[in-house]
Amino acid sequence: MRGGRRSSMGLAGIVAVLLFVWLIIGAVAAGQRHYYDSAPTNCASTGTIAVTIFAGPLNYMGVNPKIADCQVDLPQPSP
């Protein structure tokens, strides 16, 4: 019983490490594109940074994700 449990924990650990490496590669790609040079000024630049990080190694295979425009409704105060 322990052997089966160990292998599932091992698989979860491998998936976690792969996910972490994937996101680190995406963060490096965003840095190489100079997305961190200035603070994001709108939600489109924040979104571009986020999708670049989520794209991970795909950035080095020609994927260049960008968010062109986004509209965010700001909450209004209660009357």
N, C-alpha and C. Protein backbone atom coordinates (compact mmCIF):
# COMPACT_ATOMS: atom_id res chain seq x y z
N MET A 1 0.81 -1.19 0.00
CA MET A 1 0.00 0.00 0.00
C MET A 1 0.86 1.26 0.00
N ARG A 2 1.96 1.21 0.70
CA ARG A 2 2.83 2.38 0.73
C ARG A 2 3.45 2.67 -0.62
N GLY A 3 3.79 1.63 -1.37
CA GLY A 3 4.42 1.84 -2.67
C GLY A 3 3.52 2.63 -3.61
N GLY A 4 2.23 2.32 -3.63
CA GLY A 4 1.29 3.04 -4.48
C GLY A 4 1.12 4.48 -4.04
N ARG A 5 1.10 4.68 -2.76
CA ARG A 5 0.94 6.03 -2.24
C ARG A 5 2.17 6.88 -2.55
N ARG A 6 3.32 6.28 -2.45
CA ARG A 6 4.55 7.00 -2.73
C ARG A 6 4.61 7.44 -4.19
N SER A 7 4.16 6.57 -5.10
CA SER A 7 4.23 6.92 -6.50
C SER A 7 3.27 8.06 -6.85
N SER A 8 2.10 8.11 -6.20
CA SER A 8 1.18 9.21 -6.47
C SER A 8 1.73 10.52 -5.90
N MET A 9 2.36 10.45 -4.75
CA MET A 9 2.99 11.64 -4.19
C MET A 9 4.17 12.06 -5.06
N GLY A 10 4.88 11.10 -5.59
CA GLY A 10 5.99 11.40 -6.47
C GLY A 10 5.51 12.07 -7.75
N LEU A 11 4.40 11.60 -8.28
CA LEU A 11 3.85 12.19 -9.50
C LEU A 11 3.39 13.62 -9.23
N ALA A 12 2.76 13.85 -8.10
CA ALA A 12 2.32 15.21 -7.75
C ALA A 12 3.53 16.13 -7.59
N GLY A 13 4.59 15.62 -7.02
CA GLY A 13 5.81 16.42 -6.86
C GLY A 13 6.44 16.77 -8.19
N ILE A 14 6.45 15.79 -9.10
CA ILE A 14 7.01 16.05 -10.43
C ILE A 14 6.19 17.09 -11.17
N VAL A 15 4.87 16.98 -11.08
CA VAL A 15 3.99 17.95 -11.74
C VAL A 15 4.20 19.34 -11.14
N ALA A 16 4.35 19.42 -9.83
CA ALA A 16 4.57 20.71 -9.18
C ALA A 16 5.89 21.33 -9.62
N VAL A 17 6.93 20.53 -9.71
CA VAL A 17 8.24 21.04 -10.16
C VAL A 17 8.16 21.50 -11.61
N LEU A 18 7.51 20.70 -12.45
CA LEU A 18 7.38 21.09 -13.86
C LEU A 18 6.59 22.39 -14.02
N LEU A 19 5.52 22.54 -13.24
CA LEU A 19 4.73 23.77 -13.29
C LEU A 19 5.57 24.95 -12.83
N PHE A 20 6.33 24.78 -11.77
CA PHE A 20 7.19 25.85 -11.26
C PHE A 20 8.23 26.25 -12.31
N VAL A 21 8.88 25.28 -12.92
CA VAL A 21 9.88 25.57 -13.96
C VAL A 21 9.23 26.27 -15.15
N TRP A 22 8.03 25.81 -15.54
CA TRP A 22 7.28 26.42 -16.65
C TRP A 22 7.06 27.92 -16.38
N LEU A 23 6.59 28.25 -15.18
CA LEU A 23 6.31 29.64 -14.84
C LEU A 23 7.59 30.46 -14.73
N ILE A 24 8.66 29.88 -14.23
CA ILE A 24 9.95 30.59 -14.16
C ILE A 24 10.44 30.93 -15.56
N ILE A 25 10.32 29.98 -16.49
CA ILE A 25 10.74 30.24 -17.87
C ILE A 25 9.90 31.38 -18.45
N GLY A 26 8.60 31.39 -18.17
CA GLY A 26 7.75 32.49 -18.64
C GLY A 26 8.15 33.82 -18.04
N ALA A 27 8.50 33.83 -16.77
CA ALA A 27 8.93 35.07 -16.12
C ALA A 27 10.23 35.57 -16.71
N VAL A 28 11.14 34.66 -17.04
CA VAL A 28 12.40 35.05 -17.69
C VAL A 28 12.11 35.64 -19.07
N ALA A 29 11.19 35.02 -19.81
CA ALA A 29 10.85 35.54 -21.14
C ALA A 29 10.26 36.94 -21.04
N ALA A 30 9.41 37.19 -20.05
CA ALA A 30 8.84 38.52 -19.86
C ALA A 30 9.94 39.52 -19.51
N GLY A 31 10.91 39.10 -18.73
CA GLY A 31 12.04 39.98 -18.41
C GLY A 31 12.88 40.30 -19.64
N GLN A 32 13.08 39.31 -20.50
CA GLN A 32 13.85 39.54 -21.72
C GLN A 32 13.13 40.47 -22.69
N ARG A 33 11.82 40.54 -22.57
CA ARG A 33 11.04 41.47 -23.39
C ARG A 33 10.89 42.83 -22.72
N HIS A 34 11.55 43.02 -21.60
CA HIS A 34 11.58 44.29 -20.86
C HIS A 34 10.21 44.70 -20.35
N TYR A 35 9.36 43.72 -20.01
CA TYR A 35 8.05 44.04 -19.48
C TYR A 35 8.12 44.53 -18.04
N TYR A 36 9.22 44.29 -17.37
CA TYR A 36 9.35 44.70 -15.97
C TYR A 36 10.06 46.05 -15.82
N ASP A 37 10.42 46.68 -16.92
CA ASP A 37 11.18 47.93 -16.83
C ASP A 37 10.39 49.06 -16.18
N SER A 38 9.09 49.09 -16.39
CA SER A 38 8.27 50.12 -15.76
C SER A 38 7.00 49.46 -15.23
N ALA A 39 6.36 50.14 -14.32
CA ALA A 39 5.13 49.60 -13.74
C ALA A 39 4.03 49.57 -14.80
N PRO A 40 3.21 48.54 -14.79
CA PRO A 40 2.11 48.48 -15.75
C PRO A 40 1.19 49.69 -15.58
N THR A 41 0.84 50.31 -16.68
CA THR A 41 0.02 51.52 -16.62
C THR A 41 -1.46 51.24 -16.82
N ASN A 42 -1.80 50.08 -17.34
CA ASN A 42 -3.20 49.73 -17.54
C ASN A 42 -3.37 48.22 -17.46
N CYS A 43 -4.60 47.77 -17.60
CA CYS A 43 -4.83 46.33 -17.46
C CYS A 43 -4.29 45.56 -18.66
N ALA A 44 -4.14 46.20 -19.81
CA ALA A 44 -3.60 45.50 -20.98
C ALA A 44 -2.13 45.13 -20.76
N SER A 45 -1.35 46.02 -20.19
CA SER A 45 0.06 45.70 -19.95
C SER A 45 0.20 44.67 -18.84
N THR A 46 -0.65 44.74 -17.83
CA THR A 46 -0.64 43.72 -16.78
C THR A 46 -1.04 42.37 -17.35
N GLY A 47 -2.05 42.35 -18.21
CA GLY A 47 -2.48 41.12 -18.85
C GLY A 47 -1.43 40.53 -19.75
N THR A 48 -0.69 41.38 -20.47
CA THR A 48 0.38 40.90 -21.34
C THR A 48 1.47 40.23 -20.53
N ILE A 49 1.83 40.81 -19.40
CA ILE A 49 2.83 40.19 -18.53
C ILE A 49 2.33 38.84 -18.04
N ALA A 50 1.06 38.77 -17.62
CA ALA A 50 0.51 37.53 -17.09
C ALA A 50 0.47 36.43 -18.14
N VAL A 51 -0.01 36.73 -19.35
CA VAL A 51 -0.11 35.67 -20.36
C VAL A 51 1.27 35.26 -20.86
N THR A 52 2.23 36.16 -20.83
CA THR A 52 3.60 35.80 -21.20
C THR A 52 4.16 34.81 -20.20
N ILE A 53 3.92 35.05 -18.91
CA ILE A 53 4.40 34.12 -17.88
C ILE A 53 3.70 32.78 -18.01
N PHE A 54 2.38 32.78 -18.23
CA PHE A 54 1.64 31.53 -18.37
C PHE A 54 2.03 30.76 -19.62
N ALA A 55 2.48 31.46 -20.67
CA ALA A 55 2.89 30.78 -21.91
C ALA A 55 4.20 30.02 -21.71
N GLY A 56 4.99 30.42 -20.73
CA GLY A 56 6.22 29.69 -20.38
C GLY A 56 7.14 29.47 -21.55
N PRO A 57 7.59 28.24 -21.77
CA PRO A 57 8.54 27.93 -22.83
C PRO A 57 7.99 28.17 -24.24
N LEU A 58 6.68 28.28 -24.37
CA LEU A 58 6.12 28.55 -25.69
C LEU A 58 6.59 29.89 -26.25
N ASN A 59 7.01 30.79 -25.35
CA ASN A 59 7.55 32.08 -25.78
C ASN A 59 8.78 31.90 -26.68
N TYR A 60 9.54 30.84 -26.43
CA TYR A 60 10.76 30.60 -27.20
C TYR A 60 10.49 29.79 -28.46
N MET A 61 9.22 29.44 -28.69
CA MET A 61 8.83 28.72 -29.90
C MET A 61 8.03 29.62 -30.83
N GLY A 62 8.08 30.91 -30.61
CA GLY A 62 7.43 31.86 -31.50
C GLY A 62 6.13 32.44 -30.99
N VAL A 63 5.64 31.98 -29.85
CA VAL A 63 4.42 32.54 -29.30
C VAL A 63 4.75 33.89 -28.66
N ASN A 64 3.98 34.91 -29.00
CA ASN A 64 4.19 36.23 -28.43
C ASN A 64 2.83 36.75 -27.97
N PRO A 65 2.35 36.27 -26.83
CA PRO A 65 1.00 36.67 -26.40
C PRO A 65 0.95 38.13 -25.97
N LYS A 66 -0.08 38.80 -26.40
CA LYS A 66 -0.29 40.20 -26.01
C LYS A 66 -1.77 40.42 -25.78
N ILE A 67 -2.06 41.28 -24.82
CA ILE A 67 -3.42 41.72 -24.57
C ILE A 67 -3.50 43.14 -25.11
N ALA A 68 -4.31 43.33 -26.15
CA ALA A 68 -4.36 44.63 -26.81
C ALA A 68 -5.20 45.64 -26.03
N ASP A 69 -6.34 45.20 -25.55
CA ASP A 69 -7.23 46.13 -24.88
C ASP A 69 -8.10 45.35 -23.91
N CYS A 70 -8.37 45.92 -22.79
CA CYS A 70 -9.29 45.29 -21.85
C CYS A 70 -10.03 46.38 -21.11
N GLN A 71 -11.24 46.09 -20.80
CA GLN A 71 -12.08 47.03 -20.05
C GLN A 71 -12.41 46.41 -18.70
N VAL A 72 -12.15 47.15 -17.67
CA VAL A 72 -12.45 46.68 -16.32
C VAL A 72 -13.44 47.66 -15.70
N ASP A 73 -14.58 47.13 -15.26
CA ASP A 73 -15.57 47.97 -14.60
C ASP A 73 -15.12 48.21 -13.17
N LEU A 74 -14.98 49.47 -12.83
CA LEU A 74 -14.60 49.81 -11.46
C LEU A 74 -15.84 49.78 -10.58
N PRO A 75 -15.72 49.21 -9.42
CA PRO A 75 -16.89 49.18 -8.52
C PRO A 75 -17.26 50.59 -8.06
N GLN A 76 -18.55 50.83 -7.99
CA GLN A 76 -19.03 52.13 -7.56
C GLN A 76 -19.39 52.06 -6.08
N PRO A 77 -19.19 53.16 -5.38
CA PRO A 77 -19.57 53.15 -3.95
C PRO A 77 -21.08 53.02 -3.78
N SER A 78 -21.49 52.44 -2.68
CA SER A 78 -22.92 52.31 -2.39
C SER A 78 -23.50 53.68 -2.10
N PRO A 79 -24.76 53.90 -2.53
CA PRO A 79 -25.38 55.22 -2.26
C PRO A 79 -25.75 55.42 -0.81
